[in-house]
Amino acid sequence: MAEDIQDRSCTPEFEEKKAAKLQVLAESIPDELYLPQEITDNPPTDVSELPRTCGILTPEELEITENYDAAGLAEAIAAREYTAVAVAKAFSKRAAIAHQLTCCLTEFFMERAIKQAKQLDEYLISNGETIGPLHGVPISIKEHMPIAGTYSSQGYFSSIVKDEKDSQMVKILRAAGAVF
């Protein structure tokens, strides 16, 4: 059985699909969010300081991504200390950095996150209240949880599908104001 799986995963068709998927992911990250080549070619053993030192994140983005838990971030957005857009940008940029160092993402959709965050900011301005307890808080979920318009799988490459609707968990988080 293991030999059969290994043989199928090394076919030219599989490698072509994998390369195409990786290319789409690479192209979804804006050029200005790429780390310098010398860092990705020879990353330090301890990469924990790289987000702070690589120059991609602004001082405000470092503050947003390093000094708040989810509840504190939701409170700061509700109090209008930060906009949901600023928070979405900060965490998206940090995710792009992390991905280049650890290959942790299967999808990257910063533009969608910013669009969703903008709608939340407009709602807060218009209504004077938040959508829910997670209003503007960025959420990253495992790729087996369908989000409409993105791809998910059942944990193996051949099961990847483009999702037409949100899973129930995503619907609940979205209704609470979370940004994906």
N, C-alpha and C. Protein backbone atom coordinates (compact mmCIF):
# COMPACT_ATOMS: atom_id res chain seq x y z
N MET A 1 0.82 -1.20 0.00
CA MET A 1 0.00 0.00 0.00
C MET A 1 0.86 1.26 0.00
N ALA A 2 1.86 1.32 0.91
CA ALA A 2 2.74 2.49 0.96
C ALA A 2 3.48 2.68 -0.35
N GLU A 3 3.90 1.58 -0.97
CA GLU A 3 4.59 1.69 -2.25
C GLU A 3 3.66 2.28 -3.31
N ASP A 4 2.40 1.86 -3.29
CA ASP A 4 1.42 2.37 -4.25
C ASP A 4 1.24 3.88 -4.09
N ILE A 5 1.14 4.35 -2.84
CA ILE A 5 0.98 5.79 -2.59
C ILE A 5 2.22 6.53 -3.05
N GLN A 6 3.38 6.02 -2.72
CA GLN A 6 4.61 6.68 -3.11
C GLN A 6 4.72 6.74 -4.64
N ASP A 7 4.39 5.65 -5.31
CA ASP A 7 4.49 5.64 -6.77
C ASP A 7 3.57 6.67 -7.39
N ARG A 8 2.35 6.80 -6.89
CA ARG A 8 1.40 7.76 -7.45
C ARG A 8 1.84 9.20 -7.18
N SER A 9 2.47 9.43 -6.03
CA SER A 9 2.84 10.80 -5.69
C SER A 9 4.05 11.30 -6.48
N CYS A 10 4.76 10.40 -7.13
CA CYS A 10 5.95 10.80 -7.88
C CYS A 10 5.72 10.82 -9.39
N THR A 11 4.49 10.71 -9.82
CA THR A 11 4.23 10.72 -11.24
C THR A 11 4.46 12.12 -11.80
N PRO A 12 4.74 12.23 -13.06
CA PRO A 12 4.89 13.55 -13.66
C PRO A 12 3.63 14.41 -13.50
N GLU A 13 2.46 13.77 -13.57
CA GLU A 13 1.20 14.51 -13.42
C GLU A 13 1.09 15.11 -12.02
N PHE A 14 1.43 14.30 -11.01
CA PHE A 14 1.41 14.78 -9.63
C PHE A 14 2.38 15.93 -9.46
N GLU A 15 3.60 15.76 -9.93
CA GLU A 15 4.62 16.81 -9.78
C GLU A 15 4.19 18.10 -10.50
N GLU A 16 3.54 17.97 -11.63
CA GLU A 16 3.06 19.13 -12.38
C GLU A 16 1.98 19.87 -11.59
N LYS A 17 1.03 19.12 -11.02
CA LYS A 17 -0.04 19.73 -10.21
C LYS A 17 0.54 20.39 -8.97
N LYS A 18 1.48 19.71 -8.33
CA LYS A 18 2.11 20.27 -7.13
C LYS A 18 2.84 21.57 -7.47
N ALA A 19 3.59 21.57 -8.54
CA ALA A 19 4.32 22.77 -8.95
C ALA A 19 3.38 23.91 -9.26
N ALA A 20 2.26 23.61 -9.92
CA ALA A 20 1.28 24.65 -10.24
C ALA A 20 0.68 25.23 -8.97
N LYS A 21 0.35 24.38 -8.00
CA LYS A 21 -0.22 24.84 -6.73
C LYS A 21 0.77 25.71 -5.98
N LEU A 22 2.03 25.29 -5.93
CA LEU A 22 3.05 26.07 -5.26
C LEU A 22 3.30 27.40 -5.96
N GLN A 23 3.21 27.41 -7.28
CA GLN A 23 3.39 28.65 -8.04
C GLN A 23 2.27 29.65 -7.74
N VAL A 24 1.04 29.16 -7.68
CA VAL A 24 -0.09 30.04 -7.35
C VAL A 24 0.10 30.63 -5.96
N LEU A 25 0.52 29.83 -5.01
CA LEU A 25 0.76 30.33 -3.66
C LEU A 25 1.87 31.37 -3.67
N ALA A 26 2.96 31.11 -4.35
CA ALA A 26 4.07 32.05 -4.43
C ALA A 26 3.63 33.38 -5.05
N GLU A 27 2.82 33.30 -6.09
CA GLU A 27 2.35 34.52 -6.77
C GLU A 27 1.33 35.29 -5.95
N SER A 28 0.71 34.65 -4.97
CA SER A 28 -0.28 35.35 -4.15
C SER A 28 0.38 36.25 -3.11
N ILE A 29 1.66 36.06 -2.88
CA ILE A 29 2.39 36.91 -1.93
C ILE A 29 2.99 38.08 -2.71
N PRO A 30 2.62 39.32 -2.37
CA PRO A 30 3.16 40.48 -3.09
C PRO A 30 4.69 40.56 -3.00
N ASP A 31 5.29 41.05 -4.06
CA ASP A 31 6.75 41.13 -4.12
C ASP A 31 7.36 41.85 -2.92
N GLU A 32 6.70 42.91 -2.45
CA GLU A 32 7.26 43.71 -1.35
C GLU A 32 7.26 42.96 -0.01
N LEU A 33 6.61 41.79 0.04
CA LEU A 33 6.59 41.01 1.27
C LEU A 33 7.61 39.87 1.25
N TYR A 34 8.39 39.79 0.19
CA TYR A 34 9.41 38.75 0.13
C TYR A 34 10.65 39.16 0.90
N LEU A 35 11.16 38.22 1.66
CA LEU A 35 12.40 38.42 2.38
C LEU A 35 13.56 38.51 1.39
N PRO A 36 14.63 39.18 1.75
CA PRO A 36 15.80 39.21 0.87
C PRO A 36 16.30 37.78 0.59
N GLN A 37 16.76 37.56 -0.60
CA GLN A 37 17.21 36.23 -1.04
C GLN A 37 18.28 35.65 -0.13
N GLU A 38 19.17 36.50 0.38
CA GLU A 38 20.24 35.97 1.24
C GLU A 38 19.68 35.38 2.54
N ILE A 39 18.52 35.85 2.99
CA ILE A 39 17.91 35.28 4.20
C ILE A 39 17.27 33.93 3.89
N THR A 40 16.53 33.85 2.80
CA THR A 40 15.86 32.57 2.49
C THR A 40 16.86 31.51 2.01
N ASP A 41 17.95 31.94 1.41
CA ASP A 41 18.97 30.97 0.98
C ASP A 41 19.73 30.39 2.17
N ASN A 42 19.91 31.19 3.20
CA ASN A 42 20.68 30.76 4.36
C ASN A 42 20.06 31.34 5.64
N PRO A 43 18.88 30.86 6.01
CA PRO A 43 18.20 31.43 7.18
C PRO A 43 18.96 31.12 8.46
N PRO A 44 18.86 32.02 9.43
CA PRO A 44 19.50 31.74 10.71
C PRO A 44 18.80 30.56 11.40
N THR A 45 19.49 29.92 12.31
CA THR A 45 18.91 28.80 13.05
C THR A 45 17.70 29.26 13.87
N ASP A 46 17.81 30.43 14.49
CA ASP A 46 16.72 31.01 15.26
C ASP A 46 16.12 32.16 14.44
N VAL A 47 14.92 31.94 13.92
CA VAL A 47 14.28 32.94 13.07
C VAL A 47 13.29 33.83 13.83
N SER A 48 13.25 33.69 15.14
CA SER A 48 12.24 34.39 15.94
C SER A 48 12.35 35.91 15.85
N GLU A 49 13.53 36.44 15.59
CA GLU A 49 13.69 37.89 15.49
C GLU A 49 13.53 38.43 14.07
N LEU A 50 13.46 37.55 13.09
CA LEU A 50 13.39 38.00 11.70
C LEU A 50 12.21 38.92 11.40
N PRO A 51 10.99 38.65 11.88
CA PRO A 51 9.91 39.60 11.60
C PRO A 51 10.23 41.01 12.10
N ARG A 52 10.94 41.10 13.20
CA ARG A 52 11.29 42.39 13.79
C ARG A 52 12.44 43.07 13.04
N THR A 53 13.32 42.29 12.44
CA THR A 53 14.53 42.86 11.86
C THR A 53 14.55 42.92 10.34
N CYS A 54 13.61 42.26 9.67
CA CYS A 54 13.69 42.16 8.20
C CYS A 54 13.23 43.42 7.48
N GLY A 55 12.56 44.33 8.17
CA GLY A 55 12.15 45.59 7.55
C GLY A 55 10.80 45.55 6.85
N ILE A 56 10.12 44.44 6.87
CA ILE A 56 8.82 44.35 6.19
C ILE A 56 7.70 44.93 7.04
N LEU A 57 7.76 44.70 8.35
CA LEU A 57 6.71 45.20 9.24
C LEU A 57 7.08 46.57 9.79
N THR A 58 6.10 47.46 9.84
CA THR A 58 6.29 48.78 10.43
C THR A 58 6.28 48.66 11.96
N PRO A 59 6.72 49.69 12.67
CA PRO A 59 6.63 49.63 14.14
C PRO A 59 5.19 49.38 14.63
N GLU A 60 4.20 49.99 13.99
CA GLU A 60 2.81 49.76 14.40
C GLU A 60 2.40 48.30 14.14
N GLU A 61 2.82 47.74 13.02
CA GLU A 61 2.49 46.35 12.71
C GLU A 61 3.16 45.38 13.69
N LEU A 62 4.36 45.71 14.11
CA LEU A 62 5.01 44.90 15.14
C LEU A 62 4.24 44.98 16.45
N GLU A 63 3.80 46.16 16.80
CA GLU A 63 2.98 46.35 18.01
C GLU A 63 1.70 45.52 17.93
N ILE A 64 1.02 45.59 16.81
CA ILE A 64 -0.23 44.85 16.62
C ILE A 64 -0.01 43.35 16.72
N THR A 65 1.03 42.86 16.08
CA THR A 65 1.23 41.40 15.98
C THR A 65 1.96 40.80 17.17
N GLU A 66 2.55 41.61 18.03
CA GLU A 66 3.33 41.06 19.14
C GLU A 66 2.75 41.33 20.52
N ASN A 67 1.86 42.30 20.65
CA ASN A 67 1.48 42.74 21.99
C ASN A 67 0.01 42.53 22.35
N TYR A 68 -0.71 41.75 21.58
CA TYR A 68 -2.13 41.54 21.85
C TYR A 68 -2.49 40.07 21.74
N ASP A 69 -3.38 39.63 22.61
CA ASP A 69 -4.04 38.36 22.39
C ASP A 69 -5.33 38.67 21.62
N ALA A 70 -6.12 37.67 21.29
CA ALA A 70 -7.32 37.89 20.48
C ALA A 70 -8.30 38.83 21.16
N ALA A 71 -8.51 38.66 22.47
CA ALA A 71 -9.46 39.52 23.19
C ALA A 71 -8.97 40.96 23.22
N GLY A 72 -7.68 41.15 23.49
CA GLY A 72 -7.13 42.50 23.51
C GLY A 72 -7.17 43.17 22.15
N LEU A 73 -6.94 42.39 21.12
CA LEU A 73 -7.00 42.93 19.76
C LEU A 73 -8.43 43.34 19.40
N ALA A 74 -9.39 42.51 19.75
CA ALA A 74 -10.80 42.86 19.50
C ALA A 74 -11.18 44.13 20.25
N GLU A 75 -10.72 44.28 21.47
CA GLU A 75 -10.99 45.48 22.26
C GLU A 75 -10.35 46.72 21.62
N ALA A 76 -9.12 46.58 21.15
CA ALA A 76 -8.42 47.71 20.52
C ALA A 76 -9.12 48.14 19.23
N ILE A 77 -9.63 47.18 18.47
CA ILE A 77 -10.35 47.52 17.24
C ILE A 77 -11.68 48.19 17.59
N ALA A 78 -12.40 47.63 18.56
CA ALA A 78 -13.69 48.22 18.98
C ALA A 78 -13.50 49.63 19.51
N ALA A 79 -12.38 49.87 20.19
CA ALA A 79 -12.09 51.20 20.74
C ALA A 79 -11.48 52.13 19.68
N ARG A 80 -11.31 51.60 18.48
CA ARG A 80 -10.76 52.34 17.34
C ARG A 80 -9.30 52.78 17.53
N GLU A 81 -8.58 51.99 18.34
CA GLU A 81 -7.13 52.21 18.45
C GLU A 81 -6.46 51.77 17.16
N TYR A 82 -7.00 50.71 16.56
CA TYR A 82 -6.54 50.21 15.27
C TYR A 82 -7.76 49.93 14.42
N THR A 83 -7.58 50.03 13.12
CA THR A 83 -8.64 49.61 12.21
C THR A 83 -8.49 48.12 11.94
N ALA A 84 -9.57 47.50 11.55
CA ALA A 84 -9.50 46.09 11.16
C ALA A 84 -8.59 45.93 9.95
N VAL A 85 -8.57 46.91 9.07
CA VAL A 85 -7.68 46.86 7.89
C VAL A 85 -6.22 46.85 8.33
N ALA A 86 -5.85 47.73 9.26
CA ALA A 86 -4.46 47.77 9.74
C ALA A 86 -4.07 46.43 10.36
N VAL A 87 -4.98 45.83 11.11
CA VAL A 87 -4.70 44.55 11.75
C VAL A 87 -4.58 43.44 10.70
N ALA A 88 -5.47 43.43 9.72
CA ALA A 88 -5.42 42.41 8.66
C ALA A 88 -4.12 42.52 7.88
N LYS A 89 -3.70 43.74 7.56
CA LYS A 89 -2.44 43.93 6.84
C LYS A 89 -1.26 43.44 7.68
N ALA A 90 -1.24 43.80 8.96
CA ALA A 90 -0.12 43.42 9.82
C ALA A 90 0.02 41.91 9.93
N PHE A 91 -1.10 41.22 10.18
CA PHE A 91 -1.02 39.77 10.32
C PHE A 91 -0.78 39.07 9.00
N SER A 92 -1.28 39.63 7.90
CA SER A 92 -1.01 39.05 6.59
C SER A 92 0.48 39.15 6.27
N LYS A 93 1.07 40.29 6.56
CA LYS A 93 2.49 40.47 6.31
C LYS A 93 3.31 39.50 7.17
N ARG A 94 2.90 39.35 8.41
CA ARG A 94 3.62 38.43 9.30
C ARG A 94 3.47 36.99 8.82
N ALA A 95 2.29 36.63 8.33
CA ALA A 95 2.08 35.27 7.79
C ALA A 95 2.96 35.04 6.56
N ALA A 96 3.11 36.05 5.72
CA ALA A 96 3.97 35.92 4.53
C ALA A 96 5.42 35.67 4.95
N ILE A 97 5.87 36.37 5.97
CA ILE A 97 7.23 36.16 6.48
C ILE A 97 7.37 34.73 7.01
N ALA A 98 6.42 34.32 7.84
CA ALA A 98 6.46 32.97 8.43
C ALA A 98 6.47 31.90 7.35
N HIS A 99 5.67 32.09 6.31
CA HIS A 99 5.60 31.08 5.25
C HIS A 99 6.94 30.92 4.54
N GLN A 100 7.62 32.01 4.30
CA GLN A 100 8.90 31.92 3.60
C GLN A 100 9.95 31.18 4.41
N LEU A 101 9.77 31.15 5.71
CA LEU A 101 10.73 30.48 6.59
C LEU A 101 10.33 29.06 6.95
N THR A 102 9.02 28.76 6.89
CA THR A 102 8.56 27.46 7.38
C THR A 102 7.65 26.71 6.43
N CYS A 103 7.24 27.33 5.33
CA CYS A 103 6.31 26.71 4.38
C CYS A 103 5.02 26.27 5.09
N CYS A 104 4.40 27.21 5.81
CA CYS A 104 3.25 26.90 6.65
C CYS A 104 1.89 27.17 6.00
N LEU A 105 1.85 27.81 4.86
CA LEU A 105 0.58 28.17 4.24
C LEU A 105 0.23 27.26 3.06
N THR A 106 -1.06 27.05 2.89
CA THR A 106 -1.54 26.38 1.68
C THR A 106 -2.28 27.37 0.80
N GLU A 107 -2.77 28.46 1.39
CA GLU A 107 -3.44 29.54 0.67
C GLU A 107 -3.02 30.86 1.33
N PHE A 108 -2.94 31.92 0.55
CA PHE A 108 -2.64 33.26 1.07
C PHE A 108 -3.55 34.20 0.33
N PHE A 109 -4.48 34.84 1.06
CA PHE A 109 -5.43 35.73 0.40
C PHE A 109 -5.56 37.05 1.16
N MET A 110 -4.46 37.79 1.17
CA MET A 110 -4.38 39.07 1.86
C MET A 110 -5.43 40.06 1.34
N GLU A 111 -5.60 40.12 0.03
CA GLU A 111 -6.57 41.07 -0.55
C GLU A 111 -7.98 40.80 -0.05
N ARG A 112 -8.35 39.52 0.04
CA ARG A 112 -9.68 39.17 0.56
C ARG A 112 -9.81 39.56 2.03
N ALA A 113 -8.74 39.34 2.79
CA ALA A 113 -8.76 39.70 4.22
C ALA A 113 -8.94 41.21 4.37
N ILE A 114 -8.23 41.97 3.57
CA ILE A 114 -8.33 43.43 3.66
C ILE A 114 -9.72 43.90 3.23
N LYS A 115 -10.28 43.29 2.21
CA LYS A 115 -11.64 43.64 1.77
C LYS A 115 -12.65 43.35 2.89
N GLN A 116 -12.53 42.20 3.52
CA GLN A 116 -13.43 41.84 4.62
C GLN A 116 -13.23 42.81 5.79
N ALA A 117 -11.99 43.13 6.11
CA ALA A 117 -11.68 44.05 7.21
C ALA A 117 -12.24 45.45 6.92
N LYS A 118 -12.16 45.88 5.68
CA LYS A 118 -12.70 47.20 5.30
C LYS A 118 -14.21 47.23 5.54
N GLN A 119 -14.90 46.16 5.20
CA GLN A 119 -16.35 46.09 5.45
C GLN A 119 -16.64 46.17 6.95
N LEU A 120 -15.81 45.52 7.75
CA LEU A 120 -15.99 45.59 9.20
C LEU A 120 -15.73 47.00 9.73
N ASP A 121 -14.70 47.67 9.22
CA ASP A 121 -14.43 49.05 9.62
C ASP A 121 -15.60 49.96 9.26
N GLU A 122 -16.13 49.79 8.07
CA GLU A 122 -17.27 50.60 7.63
C GLU A 122 -18.50 50.34 8.51
N TYR A 123 -18.71 49.09 8.88
CA TYR A 123 -19.83 48.75 9.75
C TYR A 123 -19.66 49.43 11.11
N LEU A 124 -18.47 49.38 11.68
CA LEU A 124 -18.21 50.00 12.98
C LEU A 124 -18.44 51.51 12.92
N ILE A 125 -17.98 52.14 11.86
CA ILE A 125 -18.18 53.58 11.70
C ILE A 125 -19.66 53.90 11.55
N SER A 126 -20.35 53.16 10.73
CA SER A 126 -21.77 53.43 10.46
C SER A 126 -22.69 53.12 11.63
N ASN A 127 -22.38 52.06 12.37
CA ASN A 127 -23.31 51.59 13.40
C ASN A 127 -22.83 51.84 14.83
N GLY A 128 -21.56 52.22 14.99
CA GLY A 128 -21.04 52.49 16.32
C GLY A 128 -20.87 51.26 17.19
N GLU A 129 -20.96 50.09 16.59
CA GLU A 129 -20.78 48.85 17.33
C GLU A 129 -20.11 47.81 16.44
N THR A 130 -19.61 46.77 17.07
CA THR A 130 -18.93 45.72 16.32
C THR A 130 -19.92 44.68 15.84
N ILE A 131 -19.48 43.88 14.90
CA ILE A 131 -20.28 42.76 14.38
C ILE A 131 -20.44 41.68 15.45
N GLY A 132 -19.38 41.43 16.19
CA GLY A 132 -19.39 40.38 17.21
C GLY A 132 -18.12 40.41 18.02
N PRO A 133 -17.90 39.42 18.87
CA PRO A 133 -16.75 39.43 19.77
C PRO A 133 -15.39 39.29 19.09
N LEU A 134 -15.37 38.85 17.85
CA LEU A 134 -14.11 38.72 17.11
C LEU A 134 -13.96 39.78 16.02
N HIS A 135 -14.71 40.86 16.12
CA HIS A 135 -14.73 41.91 15.10
C HIS A 135 -13.30 42.33 14.72
N GLY A 136 -12.88 41.98 13.50
CA GLY A 136 -11.58 42.38 12.98
C GLY A 136 -10.41 41.52 13.40
N VAL A 137 -10.64 40.51 14.21
CA VAL A 137 -9.54 39.65 14.67
C VAL A 137 -9.20 38.66 13.56
N PRO A 138 -7.91 38.61 13.15
CA PRO A 138 -7.51 37.68 12.11
C PRO A 138 -7.52 36.24 12.62
N ILE A 139 -8.01 35.35 11.78
CA ILE A 139 -8.11 33.94 12.10
C ILE A 139 -7.44 33.15 10.98
N SER A 140 -6.59 32.24 11.37
CA SER A 140 -6.00 31.31 10.41
C SER A 140 -6.54 29.93 10.76
N ILE A 141 -7.03 29.23 9.75
CA ILE A 141 -7.59 27.91 10.01
C ILE A 141 -6.92 26.86 9.14
N LYS A 142 -7.06 25.63 9.54
CA LYS A 142 -6.50 24.51 8.77
C LYS A 142 -7.20 24.45 7.41
N GLU A 143 -6.48 23.98 6.42
CA GLU A 143 -7.00 23.99 5.05
C GLU A 143 -8.08 22.96 4.78
N HIS A 144 -8.43 22.15 5.76
CA HIS A 144 -9.54 21.22 5.55
C HIS A 144 -10.89 21.85 5.89
N MET A 145 -10.89 23.10 6.38
CA MET A 145 -12.12 23.84 6.68
C MET A 145 -12.47 24.71 5.47
N PRO A 146 -13.50 24.36 4.74
CA PRO A 146 -13.83 25.13 3.54
C PRO A 146 -14.18 26.59 3.81
N ILE A 147 -13.56 27.45 3.02
CA ILE A 147 -13.88 28.88 2.97
C ILE A 147 -14.27 29.15 1.52
N ALA A 148 -15.44 29.69 1.31
CA ALA A 148 -15.92 29.95 -0.05
C ALA A 148 -14.86 30.68 -0.87
N GLY A 149 -14.63 30.17 -2.08
CA GLY A 149 -13.68 30.80 -2.99
C GLY A 149 -12.24 30.39 -2.81
N THR A 150 -11.96 29.51 -1.86
CA THR A 150 -10.59 29.01 -1.66
C THR A 150 -10.58 27.50 -1.85
N TYR A 151 -9.41 26.92 -1.70
CA TYR A 151 -9.26 25.47 -1.88
C TYR A 151 -9.10 24.80 -0.53
N SER A 152 -9.66 23.62 -0.41
CA SER A 152 -9.46 22.81 0.78
C SER A 152 -9.21 21.37 0.35
N SER A 153 -8.79 20.56 1.32
CA SER A 153 -8.55 19.15 1.02
C SER A 153 -8.87 18.32 2.25
N GLN A 154 -8.78 17.04 2.09
CA GLN A 154 -8.99 16.11 3.19
C GLN A 154 -7.65 15.63 3.73
N GLY A 155 -6.63 16.42 3.53
CA GLY A 155 -5.32 16.08 4.06
C GLY A 155 -4.37 15.46 3.06
N TYR A 156 -4.82 15.25 1.85
CA TYR A 156 -3.91 14.74 0.84
C TYR A 156 -4.19 15.46 -0.49
N PHE A 157 -3.16 15.55 -1.27
CA PHE A 157 -3.16 16.42 -2.45
C PHE A 157 -4.27 16.11 -3.45
N SER A 158 -4.55 14.86 -3.69
CA SER A 158 -5.53 14.51 -4.71
C SER A 158 -6.96 14.88 -4.31
N SER A 159 -7.18 15.28 -3.06
CA SER A 159 -8.54 15.63 -2.63
C SER A 159 -8.81 17.13 -2.66
N ILE A 160 -7.89 17.93 -3.19
CA ILE A 160 -8.07 19.38 -3.22
C ILE A 160 -9.27 19.75 -4.10
N VAL A 161 -10.14 20.60 -3.54
CA VAL A 161 -11.30 21.10 -4.27
C VAL A 161 -11.45 22.59 -4.01
N LYS A 162 -12.04 23.29 -4.97
CA LYS A 162 -12.37 24.70 -4.75
C LYS A 162 -13.73 24.75 -4.08
N ASP A 163 -13.79 25.46 -2.96
CA ASP A 163 -15.01 25.48 -2.16
C ASP A 163 -15.95 26.58 -2.62
N GLU A 164 -17.21 26.22 -2.71
CA GLU A 164 -18.24 27.16 -3.14
C GLU A 164 -18.90 27.87 -1.97
N LYS A 165 -18.81 27.24 -0.77
CA LYS A 165 -19.44 27.88 0.38
C LYS A 165 -18.59 27.63 1.63
N ASP A 166 -18.83 28.45 2.63
CA ASP A 166 -18.13 28.33 3.90
C ASP A 166 -18.59 27.10 4.66
N SER A 167 -17.67 26.48 5.39
CA SER A 167 -18.05 25.41 6.32
C SER A 167 -18.83 26.04 7.48
N GLN A 168 -19.46 25.21 8.27
CA GLN A 168 -20.24 25.72 9.41
C GLN A 168 -19.34 26.48 10.38
N MET A 169 -18.15 25.97 10.65
CA MET A 169 -17.22 26.64 11.56
C MET A 169 -16.84 28.02 11.03
N VAL A 170 -16.56 28.11 9.75
CA VAL A 170 -16.21 29.40 9.14
C VAL A 170 -17.40 30.36 9.24
N LYS A 171 -18.61 29.87 9.00
CA LYS A 171 -19.79 30.72 9.13
C LYS A 171 -19.92 31.29 10.54
N ILE A 172 -19.68 30.46 11.54
CA ILE A 172 -19.77 30.91 12.94
C ILE A 172 -18.71 31.97 13.22
N LEU A 173 -17.48 31.70 12.81
CA LEU A 173 -16.39 32.67 13.04
C LEU A 173 -16.64 33.96 12.28
N ARG A 174 -17.10 33.87 11.04
CA ARG A 174 -17.40 35.06 10.24
C ARG A 174 -18.49 35.90 10.88
N ALA A 175 -19.54 35.23 11.40
CA ALA A 175 -20.64 35.93 12.07
C ALA A 175 -20.17 36.63 13.35
N ALA A 176 -19.10 36.12 13.94
CA ALA A 176 -18.53 36.74 15.14
C ALA A 176 -17.58 37.87 14.79
N GLY A 177 -17.34 38.09 13.49
CA GLY A 177 -16.51 39.20 13.05
C GLY A 177 -15.08 38.84 12.71
N ALA A 178 -14.75 37.57 12.69
CA ALA A 178 -13.37 37.16 12.39
C ALA A 178 -13.01 37.45 10.94
N VAL A 179 -11.75 37.74 10.71
CA VAL A 179 -11.21 37.98 9.38
C VAL A 179 -10.28 36.83 9.04
N PHE A 180 -10.48 36.21 7.88
CA PHE A 180 -9.67 35.06 7.48
C PHE A 180 -8.52 35.51 6.60
